[in-house]
Amino acid sequence: MNARVGQLLAEALGLPADERSALVVALLDSIEGSADASVSEAWRAQIRQRRQALAAGAVKAAPWLEAKARLEAL
């Protein structure tokens, strides 16, 4: 990851969860370029479900360093 991407990531991580979710949707839309709109809609539905679960307190957000470590362990 270059310095610019790192800076953008740090700024994005400082946003509230609902704004980060909206950012994720916008970023996915910008790179998908797929003719299959169902994939994009599936991502949106998944993001909506997760955002609702977070807002309802059904799940807890993990700190970035913990999430990153779990991803790297895969």
C-alpha atoms as a PDB file:
ATOM      1  CA  MET A   1       0.000   0.000   0.000  1.00  0.00           C
ATOM      2  CA  ASN A   2       1.424   3.364  -0.948  1.00  0.00           C
ATOM      3  CA  ALA A   3       1.390   6.468   1.263  1.00  0.00           C
ATOM      4  CA  ARG A   4      -1.607   8.037  -0.486  1.00  0.00           C
ATOM      5  CA  VAL A   5      -3.721   4.902  -0.069  1.00  0.00           C
ATOM      6  CA  GLY A   6      -2.600   4.628   3.548  1.00  0.00           C
ATOM      7  CA  GLN A   7      -3.650   8.211   4.200  1.00  0.00           C
ATOM      8  CA  LEU A   8      -7.036   7.662   2.545  1.00  0.00           C
ATOM      9  CA  LEU A   9      -7.551   4.491   4.568  1.00  0.00           C
ATOM     10  CA  ALA A  10      -6.707   6.270   7.811  1.00  0.00           C
ATOM     11  CA  GLU A  11      -9.201   9.021   6.981  1.00  0.00           C
ATOM     12  CA  ALA A  12     -11.888   6.504   6.008  1.00  0.00           C
ATOM     13  CA  LEU A  13     -11.397   4.551   9.228  1.00  0.00           C
ATOM     14  CA  GLY A  14     -12.065   7.758  11.125  1.00  0.00           C
ATOM     15  CA  LEU A  15     -15.574   7.989   9.677  1.00  0.00           C
ATOM     16  CA  PRO A  16     -18.637   6.734  11.551  1.00  0.00           C
ATOM     17  CA  ALA A  17     -19.684   3.177  10.646  1.00  0.00           C
ATOM     18  CA  ASP A  18     -22.623   4.249   8.471  1.00  0.00           C
ATOM     19  CA  GLU A  19     -20.435   6.592   6.431  1.00  0.00           C
ATOM     20  CA  ARG A  20     -17.785   3.871   6.014  1.00  0.00           C
ATOM     21  CA  SER A  21     -20.528   1.550   4.748  1.00  0.00           C
ATOM     22  CA  ALA A  22     -21.646   4.132   2.210  1.00  0.00           C
ATOM     23  CA  LEU A  23     -18.038   4.573   1.123  1.00  0.00           C
ATOM     24  CA  VAL A  24     -17.640   0.824   0.645  1.00  0.00           C
ATOM     25  CA  VAL A  25     -20.710   0.711  -1.602  1.00  0.00           C
ATOM     26  CA  ALA A  26     -19.433   3.618  -3.675  1.00  0.00           C
ATOM     27  CA  LEU A  27     -15.965   2.065  -4.030  1.00  0.00           C
ATOM     28  CA  LEU A  28     -17.357  -1.327  -5.034  1.00  0.00           C
ATOM     29  CA  ASP A  29     -19.609   0.320  -7.594  1.00  0.00           C
ATOM     30  CA  SER A  30     -16.646   2.186  -9.042  1.00  0.00           C
ATOM     31  CA  ILE A  31     -14.548  -0.934  -9.672  1.00  0.00           C
ATOM     32  CA  GLU A  32     -17.058  -3.649 -10.466  1.00  0.00           C
ATOM     33  CA  GLY A  33     -17.751  -2.740 -14.061  1.00  0.00           C
ATOM     34  CA  SER A  34     -19.589  -6.015 -14.316  1.00  0.00           C
ATOM     35  CA  ALA A  35     -22.523  -6.423 -16.654  1.00  0.00           C
ATOM     36  CA  ASP A  36     -24.037  -8.625 -13.941  1.00  0.00           C
ATOM     37  CA  ALA A  37     -25.992  -6.153 -11.815  1.00  0.00           C
ATOM     38  CA  SER A  38     -27.043  -8.938  -9.443  1.00  0.00           C
ATOM     39  CA  VAL A  39     -23.503  -9.093  -8.065  1.00  0.00           C
ATOM     40  CA  SER A  40     -23.561  -5.411  -7.216  1.00  0.00           C
ATOM     41  CA  GLU A  41     -27.031  -5.707  -5.680  1.00  0.00           C
ATOM     42  CA  ALA A  42     -25.902  -8.727  -3.659  1.00  0.00           C
ATOM     43  CA  TRP A  43     -23.030  -6.660  -2.222  1.00  0.00           C
ATOM     44  CA  ARG A  44     -25.404  -3.817  -1.394  1.00  0.00           C
ATOM     45  CA  ALA A  45     -27.813  -6.204   0.326  1.00  0.00           C
ATOM     46  CA  GLN A  46     -24.994  -7.741   2.364  1.00  0.00           C
ATOM     47  CA  ILE A  47     -23.711  -4.325   3.400  1.00  0.00           C
ATOM     48  CA  ARG A  48     -27.222  -3.206   4.365  1.00  0.00           C
ATOM     49  CA  GLN A  49     -27.732  -6.337   6.475  1.00  0.00           C
ATOM     50  CA  ARG A  50     -24.425  -5.892   8.244  1.00  0.00           C
ATOM     51  CA  ARG A  51     -25.019  -2.192   8.832  1.00  0.00           C
ATOM     52  CA  GLN A  52     -28.472  -2.932  10.297  1.00  0.00           C
ATOM     53  CA  ALA A  53     -27.058  -5.660  12.541  1.00  0.00           C
ATOM     54  CA  LEU A  54     -24.385  -3.256  13.769  1.00  0.00           C
ATOM     55  CA  ALA A  55     -26.912  -0.483  14.415  1.00  0.00           C
ATOM     56  CA  ALA A  56     -29.222  -2.899  16.264  1.00  0.00           C
ATOM     57  CA  GLY A  57     -26.387  -4.076  18.487  1.00  0.00           C
ATOM     58  CA  ALA A  58     -26.674  -7.646  17.208  1.00  0.00           C
ATOM     59  CA  VAL A  59     -22.981  -7.604  16.310  1.00  0.00           C
ATOM     60  CA  LYS A  60     -19.991  -5.581  17.460  1.00  0.00           C
ATOM     61  CA  ALA A  61     -17.447  -3.920  15.227  1.00  0.00           C
ATOM     62  CA  ALA A  62     -13.910  -5.231  15.545  1.00  0.00           C
ATOM     63  CA  PRO A  63     -10.986  -2.830  15.813  1.00  0.00           C
ATOM     64  CA  TRP A  64      -9.110  -2.523  12.522  1.00  0.00           C
ATOM     65  CA  LEU A  65      -5.881  -4.057  13.832  1.00  0.00           C
ATOM     66  CA  GLU A  66      -7.771  -7.119  15.073  1.00  0.00           C
ATOM     67  CA  ALA A  67      -9.690  -7.510  11.809  1.00  0.00           C
ATOM     68  CA  LYS A  68      -6.520  -7.034   9.773  1.00  0.00           C
ATOM     69  CA  ALA A  69      -4.683  -9.673  11.817  1.00  0.00           C
ATOM     70  CA  ARG A  70      -7.541 -12.134  11.336  1.00  0.00           C
ATOM     71  CA  LEU A  71      -7.539 -11.522   7.576  1.00  0.00           C
ATOM     72  CA  GLU A  72      -3.785 -11.954   7.344  1.00  0.00           C
ATOM     73  CA  ALA A  73      -4.061 -15.262   9.222  1.00  0.00           C
ATOM     74  CA  LEU A  74      -6.341 -16.722   6.528  1.00  0.00           C
END
